[in-house]
Amino acid sequence: MPKPSIDDPDLPLAELFYHWPATGHAFLERKMLCFGCPFSRFHTVIDAVAEYELAEDEFRARLRNLALTNT
């Protein structure tokens, strides 16, 4: 199975963490409970930023930066 796009709006957080484990730091830095949450199989970045009232563009940029620097 090919690696998904980190910018896929339908990408579940569990898959994000699986393919790019370093992205968990972005969640932990903001005290988000998504990393390790059982609902991460169903929730997306869109769901997470809405729940925590974050700017999606800025958060996705942080995720991309972590993914690139830790590959």
PDB file of N, CA and C in Angstrom:
ATOM      1  N   MET A   1       0.849  -1.179   0.000  1.00  0.00           N
ATOM      2  CA  MET A   1       0.000   0.000   0.000  1.00  0.00           C
ATOM      3  C   MET A   1       0.892   1.240   0.000  1.00  0.00           C
ATOM      4  N   PRO A   2       0.631   2.196  -0.904  1.00  0.00           N
ATOM      5  CA  PRO A   2       1.450   3.402  -0.967  1.00  0.00           C
ATOM      6  C   PRO A   2       1.198   4.315   0.234  1.00  0.00           C
ATOM      7  N   LYS A   3       2.205   5.099   0.545  1.00  0.00           N
ATOM      8  CA  LYS A   3       2.090   6.054   1.639  1.00  0.00           C
ATOM      9  C   LYS A   3       1.085   7.136   1.260  1.00  0.00           C
ATOM     10  N   PRO A   4       0.166   7.469   2.164  1.00  0.00           N
ATOM     11  CA  PRO A   4      -0.820   8.507   1.843  1.00  0.00           C
ATOM     12  C   PRO A   4      -0.176   9.894   1.835  1.00  0.00           C
ATOM     13  N   SER A   5      -0.926  10.860   1.398  1.00  0.00           N
ATOM     14  CA  SER A   5      -0.474  12.249   1.445  1.00  0.00           C
ATOM     15  C   SER A   5      -0.724  12.802   2.838  1.00  0.00           C
ATOM     16  N   ILE A   6       0.260  13.482   3.380  1.00  0.00           N
ATOM     17  CA  ILE A   6       0.103  14.081   4.709  1.00  0.00           C
ATOM     18  C   ILE A   6      -0.977  15.166   4.698  1.00  0.00           C
ATOM     19  N   ASP A   7      -1.292  15.712   3.530  1.00  0.00           N
ATOM     20  CA  ASP A   7      -2.306  16.752   3.405  1.00  0.00           C
ATOM     21  C   ASP A   7      -3.694  16.229   3.051  1.00  0.00           C
ATOM     22  N   ASP A   8      -3.855  14.913   2.992  1.00  0.00           N
ATOM     23  CA  ASP A   8      -5.162  14.325   2.687  1.00  0.00           C
ATOM     24  C   ASP A   8      -6.147  14.714   3.788  1.00  0.00           C
ATOM     25  N   PRO A   9      -7.226  15.427   3.461  1.00  0.00           N
ATOM     26  CA  PRO A   9      -8.173  15.855   4.492  1.00  0.00           C
ATOM     27  C   PRO A   9      -8.915  14.696   5.154  1.00  0.00           C
ATOM     28  N   ASP A  10      -8.943  13.532   4.507  1.00  0.00           N
ATOM     29  CA  ASP A  10      -9.635  12.373   5.061  1.00  0.00           C
ATOM     30  C   ASP A  10      -8.702  11.410   5.796  1.00  0.00           C
ATOM     31  N   LEU A  11      -7.435  11.766   5.931  1.00  0.00           N
ATOM     32  CA  LEU A  11      -6.457  10.900   6.575  1.00  0.00           C
ATOM     33  C   LEU A  11      -6.737  10.820   8.077  1.00  0.00           C
ATOM     34  N   PRO A  12      -7.030   9.624   8.592  1.00  0.00           N
ATOM     35  CA  PRO A  12      -7.243   9.494  10.034  1.00  0.00           C
ATOM     36  C   PRO A  12      -5.946   9.794  10.802  1.00  0.00           C
ATOM     37  N   LEU A  13      -6.093  10.360  11.971  1.00  0.00           N
ATOM     38  CA  LEU A  13      -4.923  10.698  12.781  1.00  0.00           C
ATOM     39  C   LEU A  13      -4.070   9.471  13.080  1.00  0.00           C
ATOM     40  N   ALA A  14      -4.686   8.319  13.290  1.00  0.00           N
ATOM     41  CA  ALA A  14      -3.913   7.101  13.572  1.00  0.00           C
ATOM     42  C   ALA A  14      -2.957   6.791  12.429  1.00  0.00           C
ATOM     43  N   GLU A  15      -3.401   6.993  11.199  1.00  0.00           N
ATOM     44  CA  GLU A  15      -2.522   6.762  10.047  1.00  0.00           C
ATOM     45  C   GLU A  15      -1.453   7.835   9.947  1.00  0.00           C
ATOM     46  N   LEU A  16      -1.815   9.062  10.277  1.00  0.00           N
ATOM     47  CA  LEU A  16      -0.834  10.142  10.307  1.00  0.00           C
ATOM     48  C   LEU A  16       0.301   9.777  11.266  1.00  0.00           C
ATOM     49  N   PHE A  17      -0.064   9.346  12.465  1.00  0.00           N
ATOM     50  CA  PHE A  17       0.937   8.975  13.471  1.00  0.00           C
ATOM     51  C   PHE A  17       1.735   7.739  13.050  1.00  0.00           C
ATOM     52  N   TYR A  18       1.108   6.821  12.347  1.00  0.00           N
ATOM     53  CA  TYR A  18       1.790   5.612  11.900  1.00  0.00           C
ATOM     54  C   TYR A  18       2.856   5.940  10.854  1.00  0.00           C
ATOM     55  N   HIS A  19       2.472   6.731   9.858  1.00  0.00           N
ATOM     56  CA  HIS A  19       3.389   7.030   8.760  1.00  0.00           C
ATOM     57  C   HIS A  19       4.406   8.118   9.113  1.00  0.00           C
ATOM     58  N   TRP A  20       4.025   9.031   9.993  1.00  0.00           N
ATOM     59  CA  TRP A  20       4.904  10.134  10.400  1.00  0.00           C
ATOM     60  C   TRP A  20       4.855  10.275  11.921  1.00  0.00           C
ATOM     61  N   PRO A  21       5.495   9.376  12.657  1.00  0.00           N
ATOM     62  CA  PRO A  21       5.411   9.386  14.120  1.00  0.00           C
ATOM     63  C   PRO A  21       5.818  10.714  14.756  1.00  0.00           C
ATOM     64  N   ALA A  22       6.747  11.422  14.150  1.00  0.00           N
ATOM     65  CA  ALA A  22       7.213  12.691  14.722  1.00  0.00           C
ATOM     66  C   ALA A  22       6.110  13.748  14.765  1.00  0.00           C
ATOM     67  N   THR A  23       5.059  13.586  13.970  1.00  0.00           N
ATOM     68  CA  THR A  23       3.979  14.572  13.976  1.00  0.00           C
ATOM     69  C   THR A  23       3.244  14.587  15.313  1.00  0.00           C
ATOM     70  N   GLY A  24       3.385  13.541  16.076  1.00  0.00           N
ATOM     71  CA  GLY A  24       2.777  13.516  17.414  1.00  0.00           C
ATOM     72  C   GLY A  24       3.256  14.662  18.276  1.00  0.00           C
ATOM     73  N   HIS A  25       4.474  15.139  18.030  1.00  0.00           N
ATOM     74  CA  HIS A  25       5.015  16.264  18.800  1.00  0.00           C
ATOM     75  C   HIS A  25       4.158  17.517  18.647  1.00  0.00           C
ATOM     76  N   ALA A  26       3.626  17.749  17.457  1.00  0.00           N
ATOM     77  CA  ALA A  26       2.785  18.934  17.232  1.00  0.00           C
ATOM     78  C   ALA A  26       1.549  18.886  18.123  1.00  0.00           C
ATOM     79  N   PHE A  27       1.014  17.708  18.325  1.00  0.00           N
ATOM     80  CA  PHE A  27      -0.170  17.556  19.168  1.00  0.00           C
ATOM     81  C   PHE A  27       0.204  17.714  20.645  1.00  0.00           C
ATOM     82  N   LEU A  28       1.298  17.097  21.034  1.00  0.00           N
ATOM     83  CA  LEU A  28       1.729  17.169  22.428  1.00  0.00           C
ATOM     84  C   LEU A  28       2.153  18.582  22.816  1.00  0.00           C
ATOM     85  N   GLU A  29       2.780  19.307  21.895  1.00  0.00           N
ATOM     86  CA  GLU A  29       3.186  20.695  22.159  1.00  0.00           C
ATOM     87  C   GLU A  29       1.989  21.561  22.530  1.00  0.00           C
ATOM     88  N   ARG A  30       0.860  21.247  21.962  1.00  0.00           N
ATOM     89  CA  ARG A  30      -0.358  22.035  22.185  1.00  0.00           C
ATOM     90  C   ARG A  30      -1.290  21.396  23.209  1.00  0.00           C
ATOM     91  N   LYS A  31      -0.769  20.376  23.901  1.00  0.00           N
ATOM     92  CA  LYS A  31      -1.532  19.661  24.933  1.00  0.00           C
ATOM     93  C   LYS A  31      -2.826  19.064  24.383  1.00  0.00           C
ATOM     94  N   MET A  32      -2.755  18.639  23.114  1.00  0.00           N
ATOM     95  CA  MET A  32      -3.885  17.969  22.481  1.00  0.00           C
ATOM     96  C   MET A  32      -3.812  16.492  22.856  1.00  0.00           C
ATOM     97  N   LEU A  33      -4.927  15.899  23.139  1.00  0.00           N
ATOM     98  CA  LEU A  33      -4.976  14.513  23.602  1.00  0.00           C
ATOM     99  C   LEU A  33      -5.147  13.504  22.470  1.00  0.00           C
ATOM    100  N   CYS A  34      -4.959  13.925  21.240  1.00  0.00           N
ATOM    101  CA  CYS A  34      -5.188  13.071  20.073  1.00  0.00           C
ATOM    102  C   CYS A  34      -4.188  11.926  19.966  1.00  0.00           C
ATOM    103  N   PHE A  35      -2.948  12.191  20.307  1.00  0.00           N
ATOM    104  CA  PHE A  35      -1.902  11.178  20.202  1.00  0.00           C
ATOM    105  C   PHE A  35      -2.166  10.110  21.258  1.00  0.00           C
ATOM    106  N   GLY A  36      -2.561   8.923  20.808  1.00  0.00           N
ATOM    107  CA  GLY A  36      -2.901   7.836  21.723  1.00  0.00           C
ATOM    108  C   GLY A  36      -4.388   7.702  22.013  1.00  0.00           C
ATOM    109  N   CYS A  37      -5.182   8.615  21.505  1.00  0.00           N
ATOM    110  CA  CYS A  37      -6.625   8.560  21.728  1.00  0.00           C
ATOM    111  C   CYS A  37      -7.235   7.434  20.890  1.00  0.00           C
ATOM    112  N   PRO A  38      -8.166   6.661  21.455  1.00  0.00           N
ATOM    113  CA  PRO A  38      -8.787   5.584  20.681  1.00  0.00           C
ATOM    114  C   PRO A  38      -9.606   6.097  19.488  1.00  0.00           C
ATOM    115  N   PHE A  39     -10.008   7.349  19.500  1.00  0.00           N
ATOM    116  CA  PHE A  39     -10.786   7.903  18.397  1.00  0.00           C
ATOM    117  C   PHE A  39      -9.901   8.398  17.255  1.00  0.00           C
ATOM    118  N   SER A  40      -8.582   8.302  17.417  1.00  0.00           N
ATOM    119  CA  SER A  40      -7.680   8.760  16.357  1.00  0.00           C
ATOM    120  C   SER A  40      -7.843   7.932  15.080  1.00  0.00           C
ATOM    121  N   ARG A  41      -8.469   6.781  15.167  1.00  0.00           N
ATOM    122  CA  ARG A  41      -8.743   5.979  13.963  1.00  0.00           C
ATOM    123  C   ARG A  41      -9.840   6.600  13.114  1.00  0.00           C
ATOM    124  N   PHE A  42     -10.616   7.486  13.729  1.00  0.00           N
ATOM    125  CA  PHE A  42     -11.771   8.071  13.047  1.00  0.00           C
ATOM    126  C   PHE A  42     -11.613   9.566  12.795  1.00  0.00           C
ATOM    127  N   HIS A  43     -10.881  10.253  13.662  1.00  0.00           N
ATOM    128  CA  HIS A  43     -10.741  11.707  13.550  1.00  0.00           C
ATOM    129  C   HIS A  43      -9.613  12.086  12.599  1.00  0.00           C
ATOM    130  N   THR A  44      -9.758  13.240  11.993  1.00  0.00           N
ATOM    131  CA  THR A  44      -8.778  13.775  11.057  1.00  0.00           C
ATOM    132  C   THR A  44      -8.168  15.049  11.646  1.00  0.00           C
ATOM    133  N   VAL A  45      -7.212  15.607  10.941  1.00  0.00           N
ATOM    134  CA  VAL A  45      -6.636  16.887  11.362  1.00  0.00           C
ATOM    135  C   VAL A  45      -7.734  17.942  11.417  1.00  0.00           C
ATOM    136  N   ILE A  46      -8.638  17.908  10.468  1.00  0.00           N
ATOM    137  CA  ILE A  46      -9.743  18.866  10.449  1.00  0.00           C
ATOM    138  C   ILE A  46     -10.554  18.778  11.733  1.00  0.00           C
ATOM    139  N   ASP A  47     -10.862  17.564  12.174  1.00  0.00           N
ATOM    140  CA  ASP A  47     -11.611  17.372  13.417  1.00  0.00           C
ATOM    141  C   ASP A  47     -10.823  17.909  14.611  1.00  0.00           C
ATOM    142  N   ALA A  48      -9.530  17.611  14.633  1.00  0.00           N
ATOM    143  CA  ALA A  48      -8.687  18.004  15.766  1.00  0.00           C
ATOM    144  C   ALA A  48      -8.551  19.519  15.882  1.00  0.00           C
ATOM    145  N   VAL A  49      -8.277  20.186  14.763  1.00  0.00           N
ATOM    146  CA  VAL A  49      -8.113  21.639  14.841  1.00  0.00           C
ATOM    147  C   VAL A  49      -9.430  22.328  15.177  1.00  0.00           C
ATOM    148  N   ALA A  50     -10.541  21.756  14.738  1.00  0.00           N
ATOM    149  CA  ALA A  50     -11.848  22.320  15.097  1.00  0.00           C
ATOM    150  C   ALA A  50     -12.089  22.163  16.599  1.00  0.00           C
ATOM    151  N   GLU A  51     -11.785  20.991  17.121  1.00  0.00           N
ATOM    152  CA  GLU A  51     -12.001  20.725  18.553  1.00  0.00           C
ATOM    153  C   GLU A  51     -11.148  21.633  19.433  1.00  0.00           C
ATOM    154  N   TYR A  52      -9.912  21.875  19.011  1.00  0.00           N
ATOM    155  CA  TYR A  52      -8.985  22.674  19.815  1.00  0.00           C
ATOM    156  C   TYR A  52      -8.888  24.127  19.355  1.00  0.00           C
ATOM    157  N   GLU A  53      -9.739  24.517  18.412  1.00  0.00           N
ATOM    158  CA  GLU A  53      -9.827  25.888  17.920  1.00  0.00           C
ATOM    159  C   GLU A  53      -8.474  26.425  17.452  1.00  0.00           C
ATOM    160  N   LEU A  54      -7.829  25.665  16.564  1.00  0.00           N
ATOM    161  CA  LEU A  54      -6.531  26.039  16.003  1.00  0.00           C
ATOM    162  C   LEU A  54      -6.683  26.419  14.535  1.00  0.00           C
ATOM    163  N   ALA A  55      -5.731  27.176  14.040  1.00  0.00           N
ATOM    164  CA  ALA A  55      -5.695  27.521  12.615  1.00  0.00           C
ATOM    165  C   ALA A  55      -5.165  26.311  11.852  1.00  0.00           C
ATOM    166  N   GLU A  56      -5.988  25.776  10.959  1.00  0.00           N
ATOM    167  CA  GLU A  56      -5.614  24.546  10.250  1.00  0.00           C
ATOM    168  C   GLU A  56      -4.358  24.723   9.403  1.00  0.00           C
ATOM    169  N   ASP A  57      -4.238  25.828   8.689  1.00  0.00           N
ATOM    170  CA  ASP A  57      -3.068  26.034   7.823  1.00  0.00           C
ATOM    171  C   ASP A  57      -1.770  26.031   8.617  1.00  0.00           C
ATOM    172  N   GLU A  58      -1.764  26.722   9.737  1.00  0.00           N
ATOM    173  CA  GLU A  58      -0.562  26.779  10.580  1.00  0.00           C
ATOM    174  C   GLU A  58      -0.234  25.407  11.169  1.00  0.00           C
ATOM    175  N   PHE A  59      -1.255  24.705  11.608  1.00  0.00           N
ATOM    176  CA  PHE A  59      -1.032  23.393  12.209  1.00  0.00           C
ATOM    177  C   PHE A  59      -0.521  22.404  11.167  1.00  0.00           C
ATOM    178  N   ARG A  60      -1.113  22.423   9.972  1.00  0.00           N
ATOM    179  CA  ARG A  60      -0.647  21.525   8.910  1.00  0.00           C
ATOM    180  C   ARG A  60       0.798  21.847   8.505  1.00  0.00           C
ATOM    181  N   ALA A  61       1.159  23.115   8.518  1.00  0.00           N
ATOM    182  CA  ALA A  61       2.542  23.491   8.204  1.00  0.00           C
ATOM    183  C   ALA A  61       3.487  22.896   9.245  1.00  0.00           C
ATOM    184  N   ARG A  62       3.094  22.921  10.501  1.00  0.00           N
ATOM    185  CA  ARG A  62       3.920  22.321  11.562  1.00  0.00           C
ATOM    186  C   ARG A  62       4.029  20.813  11.351  1.00  0.00           C
ATOM    187  N   LEU A  63       2.950  20.158  10.992  1.00  0.00           N
ATOM    188  CA  LEU A  63       2.978  18.719  10.740  1.00  0.00           C
ATOM    189  C   LEU A  63       3.923  18.386   9.590  1.00  0.00           C
ATOM    190  N   ARG A  64       3.823  19.142   8.499  1.00  0.00           N
ATOM    191  CA  ARG A  64       4.697  18.910   7.352  1.00  0.00           C
ATOM    192  C   ARG A  64       6.164  19.106   7.728  1.00  0.00           C
ATOM    193  N   ASN A  65       6.441  20.142   8.519  1.00  0.00           N
ATOM    194  CA  ASN A  65       7.809  20.408   8.946  1.00  0.00           C
ATOM    195  C   ASN A  65       8.351  19.251   9.773  1.00  0.00           C
ATOM    196  N   LEU A  66       7.570  18.760  10.713  1.00  0.00           N
ATOM    197  CA  LEU A  66       8.000  17.621  11.545  1.00  0.00           C
ATOM    198  C   LEU A  66       8.194  16.369  10.703  1.00  0.00           C
ATOM    199  N   ALA A  67       7.304  16.146   9.759  1.00  0.00           N
ATOM    200  CA  ALA A  67       7.413  14.955   8.907  1.00  0.00           C
ATOM    201  C   ALA A  67       8.652  15.010   8.046  1.00  0.00           C
ATOM    202  N   LEU A  68       8.974  16.182   7.520  1.00  0.00           N
ATOM    203  CA  LEU A  68      10.141  16.317   6.641  1.00  0.00           C
ATOM    204  C   LEU A  68      11.468  16.228   7.390  1.00  0.00           C
ATOM    205  N   THR A  69      11.510  16.784   8.577  1.00  0.00           N
ATOM    206  CA  THR A  69      12.772  16.809   9.323  1.00  0.00           C
ATOM    207  C   THR A  69      13.055  15.488  10.031  1.00  0.00           C
ATOM    208  N   ASN A  70      12.060  14.619  10.083  1.00  0.00           N
ATOM    209  CA  ASN A  70      12.220  13.350  10.801  1.00  0.00           C
ATOM    210  C   ASN A  70      11.946  12.142   9.905  1.00  0.00           C
ATOM    211  N   THR A  71      12.307  12.227   8.632  1.00  0.00           N
ATOM    212  CA  THR A  71      12.095  11.085   7.737  1.00  0.00           C
ATOM    213  C   THR A  71      13.356  10.271   7.601  1.00  0.00           C
TER     214      THR A  71
END
